Amino acid sequence: KPEHEEAYKVAHSAVPAAVLSMIRQCNIRNYS
């Protein structure tokens, strides 16, 4: 949604470590 573009970018500049860890635990690599 265009009105959320900036908030989405800001959120993804600081993804919680627990979320990043789960991504790796679930065998996902090279995620963009």
Full PDB file with SEQRES, HELIX, SHEET, SSBOND, CRYST1, ORIGX, SCALE, CONECT and MASTER records, all heavy atoms in Angstrom:
SEQRES   1 A   32  LYS PRO GLU HIS GLU GLU ALA TYR LYS VAL ALA HIS SER          
SEQRES   2 A   32  ALA VAL PRO ALA ALA VAL LEU SER MET ILE ARG GLN CYS          
SEQRES   3 A   32  ASN ILE ARG ASN TYR SER                                      
HELIX    1 AA1 PRO A    2  HIS A    4  5                                   3    
HELIX    2 AA2 GLU A    5  HIS A   12  1                                   8    
HELIX    3 AA3 ALA A   17  GLN A   25  1                                   9    
CRYST1    1.000    1.000    1.000  90.00  90.00  90.00 P 1           1          
ORIGX1      1.000000  0.000000  0.000000        0.00000                         
ORIGX2      0.000000  1.000000  0.000000        0.00000                         
ORIGX3      0.000000  0.000000  1.000000        0.00000                         
SCALE1      1.000000  0.000000  0.000000        0.00000                         
SCALE2      0.000000  1.000000  0.000000        0.00000                         
SCALE3      0.000000  0.000000  1.000000        0.00000                         
ATOM      1  N   LYS A   1       0.855  -1.180   0.000  1.00  0.00           N  
ATOM      2  CA  LYS A   1       0.000   0.000   0.000  1.00  0.00           C  
ATOM      3  C   LYS A   1       0.893   1.234   0.000  1.00  0.00           C  
ATOM      4  O   LYS A   1       1.774   1.371   0.859  1.00  0.00           O  
ATOM      5  CB  LYS A   1      -0.925  -0.023   1.208  1.00  0.00           C  
ATOM      6  CG  LYS A   1      -1.904  -1.192   1.182  1.00  0.00           C  
ATOM      7  CD  LYS A   1      -2.706  -1.287   2.448  1.00  0.00           C  
ATOM      8  CE  LYS A   1      -3.599  -2.533   2.414  1.00  0.00           C  
ATOM      9  NZ  LYS A   1      -4.275  -2.761   3.694  1.00  0.00           N  
ATOM     10  N   PRO A   2       0.705   2.135  -0.968  1.00  0.00           N  
ATOM     11  CA  PRO A   2       1.622   3.275  -1.137  1.00  0.00           C  
ATOM     12  C   PRO A   2       1.802   4.119   0.124  1.00  0.00           C  
ATOM     13  O   PRO A   2       2.900   4.605   0.385  1.00  0.00           O  
ATOM     14  CB  PRO A   2       0.981   4.093  -2.261  1.00  0.00           C  
ATOM     15  CG  PRO A   2       0.130   3.127  -3.000  1.00  0.00           C  
ATOM     16  CD  PRO A   2      -0.339   2.117  -1.997  1.00  0.00           C  
ATOM     17  N   GLU A   3       0.764   4.245   0.920  1.00  0.00           N  
ATOM     18  CA  GLU A   3       0.868   5.062   2.125  1.00  0.00           C  
ATOM     19  C   GLU A   3       1.753   4.433   3.201  1.00  0.00           C  
ATOM     20  O   GLU A   3       2.116   5.082   4.183  1.00  0.00           O  
ATOM     21  CB  GLU A   3      -0.524   5.373   2.701  1.00  0.00           C  
ATOM     22  CG  GLU A   3      -1.288   4.173   3.216  1.00  0.00           C  
ATOM     23  CD  GLU A   3      -2.140   3.451   2.177  1.00  0.00           C  
ATOM     24  OE1 GLU A   3      -1.889   3.588   0.951  1.00  0.00           O  
ATOM     25  OE2 GLU A   3      -3.068   2.716   2.591  1.00  0.00           O  
ATOM     26  N   HIS A   4       2.137   3.171   3.015  1.00  0.00           N  
ATOM     27  CA  HIS A   4       2.980   2.474   3.990  1.00  0.00           C  
ATOM     28  C   HIS A   4       4.415   2.267   3.504  1.00  0.00           C  
ATOM     29  O   HIS A   4       5.208   1.624   4.188  1.00  0.00           O  
ATOM     30  CB  HIS A   4       2.364   1.117   4.342  1.00  0.00           C  
ATOM     31  CG  HIS A   4       1.066   1.220   5.044  1.00  0.00           C  
ATOM     32  ND1 HIS A   4       0.931   1.766   6.293  1.00  0.00           N  
ATOM     33  CD2 HIS A   4      -0.183   0.852   4.651  1.00  0.00           C  
ATOM     34  CE1 HIS A   4      -0.332   1.720   6.654  1.00  0.00           C  
ATOM     35  NE2 HIS A   4      -1.034   1.180   5.671  1.00  0.00           N  
ATOM     36  N   GLU A   5       4.741   2.813   2.353  1.00  0.00           N  
ATOM     37  CA  GLU A   5       6.059   2.559   1.770  1.00  0.00           C  
ATOM     38  C   GLU A   5       7.198   2.933   2.723  1.00  0.00           C  
ATOM     39  O   GLU A   5       8.108   2.134   2.954  1.00  0.00           O  
ATOM     40  CB  GLU A   5       6.210   3.309   0.446  1.00  0.00           C  
ATOM     41  CG  GLU A   5       7.515   3.009  -0.250  1.00  0.00           C  
ATOM     42  CD  GLU A   5       7.627   3.648  -1.624  1.00  0.00           C  
ATOM     43  OE1 GLU A   5       6.667   3.543  -2.408  1.00  0.00           O  
ATOM     44  OE2 GLU A   5       8.684   4.239  -1.898  1.00  0.00           O  
ATOM     45  N   GLU A   6       7.173   4.115   3.259  1.00  0.00           N  
ATOM     46  CA  GLU A   6       8.266   4.557   4.135  1.00  0.00           C  
ATOM     47  C   GLU A   6       8.335   3.722   5.411  1.00  0.00           C  
ATOM     48  O   GLU A   6       9.420   3.316   5.835  1.00  0.00           O  
ATOM     49  CB  GLU A   6       8.138   6.047   4.463  1.00  0.00           C  
ATOM     50  CG  GLU A   6       9.385   6.625   5.105  1.00  0.00           C  
ATOM     51  CD  GLU A   6      10.660   6.436   4.273  1.00  0.00           C  
ATOM     52  OE1 GLU A   6      10.607   6.498   3.030  1.00  0.00           O  
ATOM     53  OE2 GLU A   6      11.727   6.208   4.892  1.00  0.00           O  
ATOM     54  N   ALA A   7       7.195   3.441   6.020  1.00  0.00           N  
ATOM     55  CA  ALA A   7       7.176   2.631   7.246  1.00  0.00           C  
ATOM     56  C   ALA A   7       7.708   1.223   6.968  1.00  0.00           C  
ATOM     57  O   ALA A   7       8.418   0.645   7.803  1.00  0.00           O  
ATOM     58  CB  ALA A   7       5.770   2.563   7.823  1.00  0.00           C  
ATOM     59  N   TYR A   8       7.394   0.669   5.809  1.00  0.00           N  
ATOM     60  CA  TYR A   8       7.864  -0.666   5.449  1.00  0.00           C  
ATOM     61  C   TYR A   8       9.384  -0.669   5.305  1.00  0.00           C  
ATOM     62  O   TYR A   8      10.070  -1.576   5.790  1.00  0.00           O  
ATOM     63  CB  TYR A   8       7.188  -1.116   4.157  1.00  0.00           C  
ATOM     64  CG  TYR A   8       7.305  -2.598   3.889  1.00  0.00           C  
ATOM     65  CD1 TYR A   8       6.399  -3.496   4.434  1.00  0.00           C  
ATOM     66  CD2 TYR A   8       8.322  -3.103   3.083  1.00  0.00           C  
ATOM     67  CE1 TYR A   8       6.490  -4.862   4.187  1.00  0.00           C  
ATOM     68  CE2 TYR A   8       8.426  -4.463   2.830  1.00  0.00           C  
ATOM     69  CZ  TYR A   8       7.507  -5.325   3.391  1.00  0.00           C  
ATOM     70  OH  TYR A   8       7.605  -6.678   3.147  1.00  0.00           O  
ATOM     71  N   LYS A   9       9.919   0.347   4.654  1.00  0.00           N  
ATOM     72  CA  LYS A   9      11.367   0.450   4.492  1.00  0.00           C  
ATOM     73  C   LYS A   9      12.058   0.606   5.845  1.00  0.00           C  
ATOM     74  O   LYS A   9      13.073  -0.056   6.102  1.00  0.00           O  
ATOM     75  CB  LYS A   9      11.725   1.635   3.605  1.00  0.00           C  
ATOM     76  CG  LYS A   9      11.388   1.450   2.149  1.00  0.00           C  
ATOM     77  CD  LYS A   9      11.788   2.714   1.402  1.00  0.00           C  
ATOM     78  CE  LYS A   9      11.438   2.705  -0.037  1.00  0.00           C  
ATOM     79  NZ  LYS A   9      11.845   3.949  -0.716  1.00  0.00           N  
ATOM     80  N   VAL A  10      11.504   1.454   6.698  1.00  0.00           N  
ATOM     81  CA  VAL A  10      12.089   1.661   8.023  1.00  0.00           C  
ATOM     82  C   VAL A  10      12.063   0.355   8.818  1.00  0.00           C  
ATOM     83  O   VAL A  10      13.060  -0.029   9.439  1.00  0.00           O  
ATOM     84  CB  VAL A  10      11.360   2.797   8.781  1.00  0.00           C  
ATOM     85  CG1 VAL A  10      11.757   2.832  10.248  1.00  0.00           C  
ATOM     86  CG2 VAL A  10      11.647   4.137   8.122  1.00  0.00           C  
ATOM     87  N   ALA A  11      10.953  -0.337   8.805  1.00  0.00           N  
ATOM     88  CA  ALA A  11      10.844  -1.602   9.533  1.00  0.00           C  
ATOM     89  C   ALA A  11      11.887  -2.607   9.044  1.00  0.00           C  
ATOM     90  O   ALA A  11      12.519  -3.306   9.839  1.00  0.00           O  
ATOM     91  CB  ALA A  11       9.443  -2.180   9.392  1.00  0.00           C  
ATOM     92  N   HIS A  12      12.101  -2.664   7.748  1.00  0.00           N  
ATOM     93  CA  HIS A  12      13.050  -3.628   7.200  1.00  0.00           C  
ATOM     94  C   HIS A  12      14.504  -3.193   7.351  1.00  0.00           C  
ATOM     95  O   HIS A  12      15.411  -3.994   7.096  1.00  0.00           O  
ATOM     96  CB  HIS A  12      12.696  -3.963   5.755  1.00  0.00           C  
ATOM     97  CG  HIS A  12      11.582  -4.950   5.678  1.00  0.00           C  
ATOM     98  ND1 HIS A  12      10.256  -4.568   5.830  1.00  0.00           N  
ATOM     99  CD2 HIS A  12      11.587  -6.295   5.521  1.00  0.00           C  
ATOM    100  CE1 HIS A  12       9.498  -5.652   5.751  1.00  0.00           C  
ATOM    101  NE2 HIS A  12      10.279  -6.713   5.572  1.00  0.00           N  
ATOM    102  N   SER A  13      14.728  -1.988   7.804  1.00  0.00           N  
ATOM    103  CA  SER A  13      16.098  -1.587   8.114  1.00  0.00           C  
ATOM    104  C   SER A  13      16.514  -2.103   9.488  1.00  0.00           C  
ATOM    105  O   SER A  13      17.684  -2.016   9.857  1.00  0.00           O  
ATOM    106  CB  SER A  13      16.241  -0.063   8.053  1.00  0.00           C  
ATOM    107  OG  SER A  13      15.574   0.550   9.141  1.00  0.00           O  
ATOM    108  N   ALA A  14      15.564  -2.642  10.249  1.00  0.00           N  
ATOM    109  CA  ALA A  14      15.845  -3.150  11.600  1.00  0.00           C  
ATOM    110  C   ALA A  14      14.957  -4.360  11.905  1.00  0.00           C  
ATOM    111  O   ALA A  14      14.196  -4.354  12.867  1.00  0.00           O  
ATOM    112  CB  ALA A  14      15.630  -2.046  12.620  1.00  0.00           C  
ATOM    113  N   VAL A  15      15.052  -5.389  11.081  1.00  0.00           N  
ATOM    114  CA  VAL A  15      14.271  -6.612  11.309  1.00  0.00           C  
ATOM    115  C   VAL A  15      14.739  -7.237  12.623  1.00  0.00           C  
ATOM    116  O   VAL A  15      15.949  -7.351  12.860  1.00  0.00           O  
ATOM    117  CB  VAL A  15      14.445  -7.598  10.137  1.00  0.00           C  
ATOM    118  CG1 VAL A  15      13.698  -8.902  10.403  1.00  0.00           C  
ATOM    119  CG2 VAL A  15      13.970  -6.963   8.830  1.00  0.00           C  
ATOM    120  N   PRO A  16      13.818  -7.620  13.501  1.00  0.00           N  
ATOM    121  CA  PRO A  16      14.216  -8.220  14.785  1.00  0.00           C  
ATOM    122  C   PRO A  16      15.115  -9.446  14.600  1.00  0.00           C  
ATOM    123  O   PRO A  16      14.896 -10.275  13.710  1.00  0.00           O  
ATOM    124  CB  PRO A  16      12.881  -8.612  15.429  1.00  0.00           C  
ATOM    125  CG  PRO A  16      11.875  -7.694  14.799  1.00  0.00           C  
ATOM    126  CD  PRO A  16      12.353  -7.490  13.389  1.00  0.00           C  
ATOM    127  N   ALA A  17      16.105  -9.551  15.464  1.00  0.00           N  
ATOM    128  CA  ALA A  17      17.059 -10.665  15.395  1.00  0.00           C  
ATOM    129  C   ALA A  17      16.358 -12.017  15.468  1.00  0.00           C  
ATOM    130  O   ALA A  17      16.767 -12.969  14.787  1.00  0.00           O  
ATOM    131  CB  ALA A  17      18.092 -10.535  16.507  1.00  0.00           C  
ATOM    132  N   ALA A  18      15.309 -12.117  16.268  1.00  0.00           N  
ATOM    133  CA  ALA A  18      14.590 -13.400  16.386  1.00  0.00           C  
ATOM    134  C   ALA A  18      13.933 -13.791  15.065  1.00  0.00           C  
ATOM    135  O   ALA A  18      13.869 -14.983  14.730  1.00  0.00           O  
ATOM    136  CB  ALA A  18      13.541 -13.313  17.498  1.00  0.00           C  
ATOM    137  N   VAL A  19      13.465 -12.825  14.307  1.00  0.00           N  
ATOM    138  CA  VAL A  19      12.856 -13.103  13.003  1.00  0.00           C  
ATOM    139  C   VAL A  19      13.931 -13.559  12.019  1.00  0.00           C  
ATOM    140  O   VAL A  19      13.748 -14.545  11.296  1.00  0.00           O  
ATOM    141  CB  VAL A  19      12.098 -11.865  12.484  1.00  0.00           C  
ATOM    142  CG1 VAL A  19      11.620 -12.068  11.050  1.00  0.00           C  
ATOM    143  CG2 VAL A  19      10.927 -11.534  13.403  1.00  0.00           C  
ATOM    144  N   LEU A  20      15.053 -12.866  12.004  1.00  0.00           N  
ATOM    145  CA  LEU A  20      16.153 -13.258  11.127  1.00  0.00           C  
ATOM    146  C   LEU A  20      16.666 -14.658  11.469  1.00  0.00           C  
ATOM    147  O   LEU A  20      16.959 -15.453  10.574  1.00  0.00           O  
ATOM    148  CB  LEU A  20      17.293 -12.235  11.222  1.00  0.00           C  
ATOM    149  CG  LEU A  20      16.955 -10.832  10.730  1.00  0.00           C  
ATOM    150  CD1 LEU A  20      18.119  -9.892  11.012  1.00  0.00           C  
ATOM    151  CD2 LEU A  20      16.582 -10.835   9.258  1.00  0.00           C  
ATOM    152  N   SER A  21      16.742 -14.954  12.752  1.00  0.00           N  
ATOM    153  CA  SER A  21      17.174 -16.277  13.187  1.00  0.00           C  
ATOM    154  C   SER A  21      16.210 -17.359  12.713  1.00  0.00           C  
ATOM    155  O   SER A  21      16.631 -18.427  12.243  1.00  0.00           O  
ATOM    156  CB  SER A  21      17.298 -16.311  14.710  1.00  0.00           C  
ATOM    157  OG  SER A  21      17.626 -17.608  15.149  1.00  0.00           O  
ATOM    158  N   MET A  22      14.919 -17.104  12.817  1.00  0.00           N  
ATOM    159  CA  MET A  22      13.925 -18.088  12.377  1.00  0.00           C  
ATOM    160  C   MET A  22      14.017 -18.307  10.867  1.00  0.00           C  
ATOM    161  O   MET A  22      13.887 -19.446  10.394  1.00  0.00           O  
ATOM    162  CB  MET A  22      12.514 -17.647  12.774  1.00  0.00           C  
ATOM    163  CG  MET A  22      11.427 -18.635  12.407  1.00  0.00           C  
ATOM    164  SD  MET A  22      11.636 -20.350  13.000  1.00  0.00           S  
ATOM    165  CE  MET A  22      11.821 -20.125  14.757  1.00  0.00           C  
ATOM    166  N   ILE A  23      14.250 -17.265  10.119  1.00  0.00           N  
ATOM    167  CA  ILE A  23      14.420 -17.413   8.669  1.00  0.00           C  
ATOM    168  C   ILE A  23      15.546 -18.404   8.392  1.00  0.00           C  
ATOM    169  O   ILE A  23      15.404 -19.327   7.586  1.00  0.00           O  
ATOM    170  CB  ILE A  23      14.684 -16.044   8.009  1.00  0.00           C  
ATOM    171  CG1 ILE A  23      13.397 -15.199   8.021  1.00  0.00           C  
ATOM    172  CG2 ILE A  23      15.220 -16.208   6.591  1.00  0.00           C  
ATOM    173  CD1 ILE A  23      13.597 -13.750   7.636  1.00  0.00           C  
ATOM    174  N   ARG A  24      16.662 -18.246   9.068  1.00  0.00           N  
ATOM    175  CA  ARG A  24      17.804 -19.152   8.876  1.00  0.00           C  
ATOM    176  C   ARG A  24      17.478 -20.564   9.369  1.00  0.00           C  
ATOM    177  O   ARG A  24      17.823 -21.546   8.714  1.00  0.00           O  
ATOM    178  CB  ARG A  24      19.047 -18.609   9.569  1.00  0.00           C  
ATOM    179  CG  ARG A  24      19.585 -17.365   8.853  1.00  0.00           C  
ATOM    180  CD  ARG A  24      20.990 -16.999   9.255  1.00  0.00           C  
ATOM    181  NE  ARG A  24      22.002 -17.966   8.903  1.00  0.00           N  
ATOM    182  CZ  ARG A  24      22.524 -18.166   7.686  1.00  0.00           C  
ATOM    183  NH1 ARG A  24      22.086 -17.461   6.672  1.00  0.00           N  
ATOM    184  NH2 ARG A  24      23.461 -19.064   7.488  1.00  0.00           N  
ATOM    185  N   GLN A  25      16.816 -20.661  10.530  1.00  0.00           N  
ATOM    186  CA  GLN A  25      16.448 -21.983  11.060  1.00  0.00           C  
ATOM    187  C   GLN A  25      15.537 -22.738  10.097  1.00  0.00           C  
ATOM    188  O   GLN A  25      15.514 -23.971  10.090  1.00  0.00           O  
ATOM    189  CB  GLN A  25      15.743 -21.837  12.412  1.00  0.00           C  
ATOM    190  CG  GLN A  25      16.642 -21.432  13.557  1.00  0.00           C  
ATOM    191  CD  GLN A  25      15.833 -21.204  14.815  1.00  0.00           C  
ATOM    192  OE1 GLN A  25      15.000 -22.013  15.192  1.00  0.00           O  
ATOM    193  NE2 GLN A  25      16.083 -20.076  15.480  1.00  0.00           N  
ATOM    194  N   CYS A  26      14.787 -22.002   9.304  1.00  0.00           N  
ATOM    195  CA  CYS A  26      13.854 -22.616   8.351  1.00  0.00           C  
ATOM    196  C   CYS A  26      14.488 -22.802   6.978  1.00  0.00           C  
ATOM    197  O   CYS A  26      13.787 -22.961   5.971  1.00  0.00           O  
ATOM    198  CB  CYS A  26      12.576 -21.790   8.281  1.00  0.00           C  
ATOM    199  SG  CYS A  26      11.628 -21.885   9.816  1.00  0.00           S  
ATOM    200  N   ASN A  27      15.822 -22.780   6.945  1.00  0.00           N  
ATOM    201  CA  ASN A  27      16.587 -23.140   5.744  1.00  0.00           C  
ATOM    202  C   ASN A  27      16.462 -22.160   4.586  1.00  0.00           C  
ATOM    203  O   ASN A  27      16.591 -22.548   3.420  1.00  0.00           O  
ATOM    204  CB  ASN A  27      16.230 -24.567   5.294  1.00  0.00           C  
ATOM    205  CG  ASN A  27      16.623 -25.582   6.332  1.00  0.00           C  
ATOM    206  OD1 ASN A  27      17.789 -25.656   6.706  1.00  0.00           O  
ATOM    207  ND2 ASN A  27      15.657 -26.325   6.835  1.00  0.00           N  
ATOM    208  N   ILE A  28      16.231 -20.888   4.892  1.00  0.00           N  
ATOM    209  CA  ILE A  28      16.178 -19.856   3.864  1.00  0.00           C  
ATOM    210  C   ILE A  28      17.492 -19.096   3.891  1.00  0.00           C  
ATOM    211  O   ILE A  28      17.967 -18.682   4.943  1.00  0.00           O  
ATOM    212  CB  ILE A  28      14.982 -18.919   4.094  1.00  0.00           C  
ATOM    213  CG1 ILE A  28      13.682 -19.692   3.837  1.00  0.00           C  
ATOM    214  CG2 ILE A  28      15.068 -17.687   3.194  1.00  0.00           C  
ATOM    215  CD1 ILE A  28      12.430 -18.919   4.151  1.00  0.00           C  
ATOM    216  N   ARG A  29      18.061 -18.914   2.710  1.00  0.00           N  
ATOM    217  CA  ARG A  29      19.316 -18.191   2.556  1.00  0.00           C  
ATOM    218  C   ARG A  29      19.167 -17.189   1.414  1.00  0.00           C  
ATOM    219  O   ARG A  29      18.276 -17.297   0.584  1.00  0.00           O  
ATOM    220  CB  ARG A  29      20.471 -19.140   2.228  1.00  0.00           C  
ATOM    221  CG  ARG A  29      20.704 -20.242   3.243  1.00  0.00           C  
ATOM    222  CD  ARG A  29      21.201 -19.694   4.590  1.00  0.00           C  
ATOM    223  NE  ARG A  29      21.562 -20.751   5.518  1.00  0.00           N  
ATOM    224  CZ  ARG A  29      20.720 -21.384   6.329  1.00  0.00           C  
ATOM    225  NH1 ARG A  29      19.440 -21.089   6.318  1.00  0.00           N  
ATOM    226  NH2 ARG A  29      21.140 -22.322   7.157  1.00  0.00           N  
ATOM    227  N   ASN A  30      20.087 -16.237   1.377  1.00  0.00           N  
ATOM    228  CA  ASN A  30      20.174 -15.285   0.269  1.00  0.00           C  
ATOM    229  C   ASN A  30      18.809 -14.628  -0.009  1.00  0.00           C  
ATOM    230  O   ASN A  30      18.329 -14.607  -1.136  1.00  0.00           O  
ATOM    231  CB  ASN A  30      20.711 -15.981  -0.982  1.00  0.00           C  
ATOM    232  CG  ASN A  30      21.230 -15.008  -2.008  1.00  0.00           C  
ATOM    233  OD1 ASN A  30      21.569 -13.868  -1.690  1.00  0.00           O  
ATOM    234  ND2 ASN A  30      21.304 -15.437  -3.250  1.00  0.00           N  
ATOM    235  N   TYR A  31      18.214 -14.088   1.040  1.00  0.00           N  
ATOM    236  CA  TYR A  31      16.854 -13.531   0.986  1.00  0.00           C  
ATOM    237  C   TYR A  31      16.916 -12.030   0.735  1.00  0.00           C  
ATOM    238  O   TYR A  31      17.598 -11.309   1.459  1.00  0.00           O  
ATOM    239  CB  TYR A  31      16.156 -13.832   2.311  1.00  0.00           C  
ATOM    240  CG  TYR A  31      14.687 -13.485   2.408  1.00  0.00           C  
ATOM    241  CD1 TYR A  31      13.896 -13.294   1.291  1.00  0.00           C  
ATOM    242  CD2 TYR A  31      14.085 -13.362   3.645  1.00  0.00           C  
ATOM    243  CE1 TYR A  31      12.549 -12.995   1.396  1.00  0.00           C  
ATOM    244  CE2 TYR A  31      12.738 -13.059   3.764  1.00  0.00           C  
ATOM    245  CZ  TYR A  31      11.980 -12.879   2.643  1.00  0.00           C  
ATOM    246  OH  TYR A  31      10.643 -12.586   2.758  1.00  0.00           O  
ATOM    247  N   SER A  32      16.222 -11.578  -0.273  1.00  0.00           N  
ATOM    248  CA  SER A  32      16.152 -10.155  -0.614  1.00  0.00           C  
ATOM    249  C   SER A  32      14.713  -9.778  -0.915  1.00  0.00           C  
ATOM    250  O   SER A  32      13.937 -10.599  -1.424  1.00  0.00           O  
ATOM    251  CB  SER A  32      16.988  -9.843  -1.870  1.00  0.00           C  
ATOM    252  OG  SER A  32      18.336 -10.146  -1.667  1.00  0.00           O  
TER     253      SER A  32                                                      
MASTER        0    0    0    3    0    0    0    6  252    1    0    3          
END                                                                             
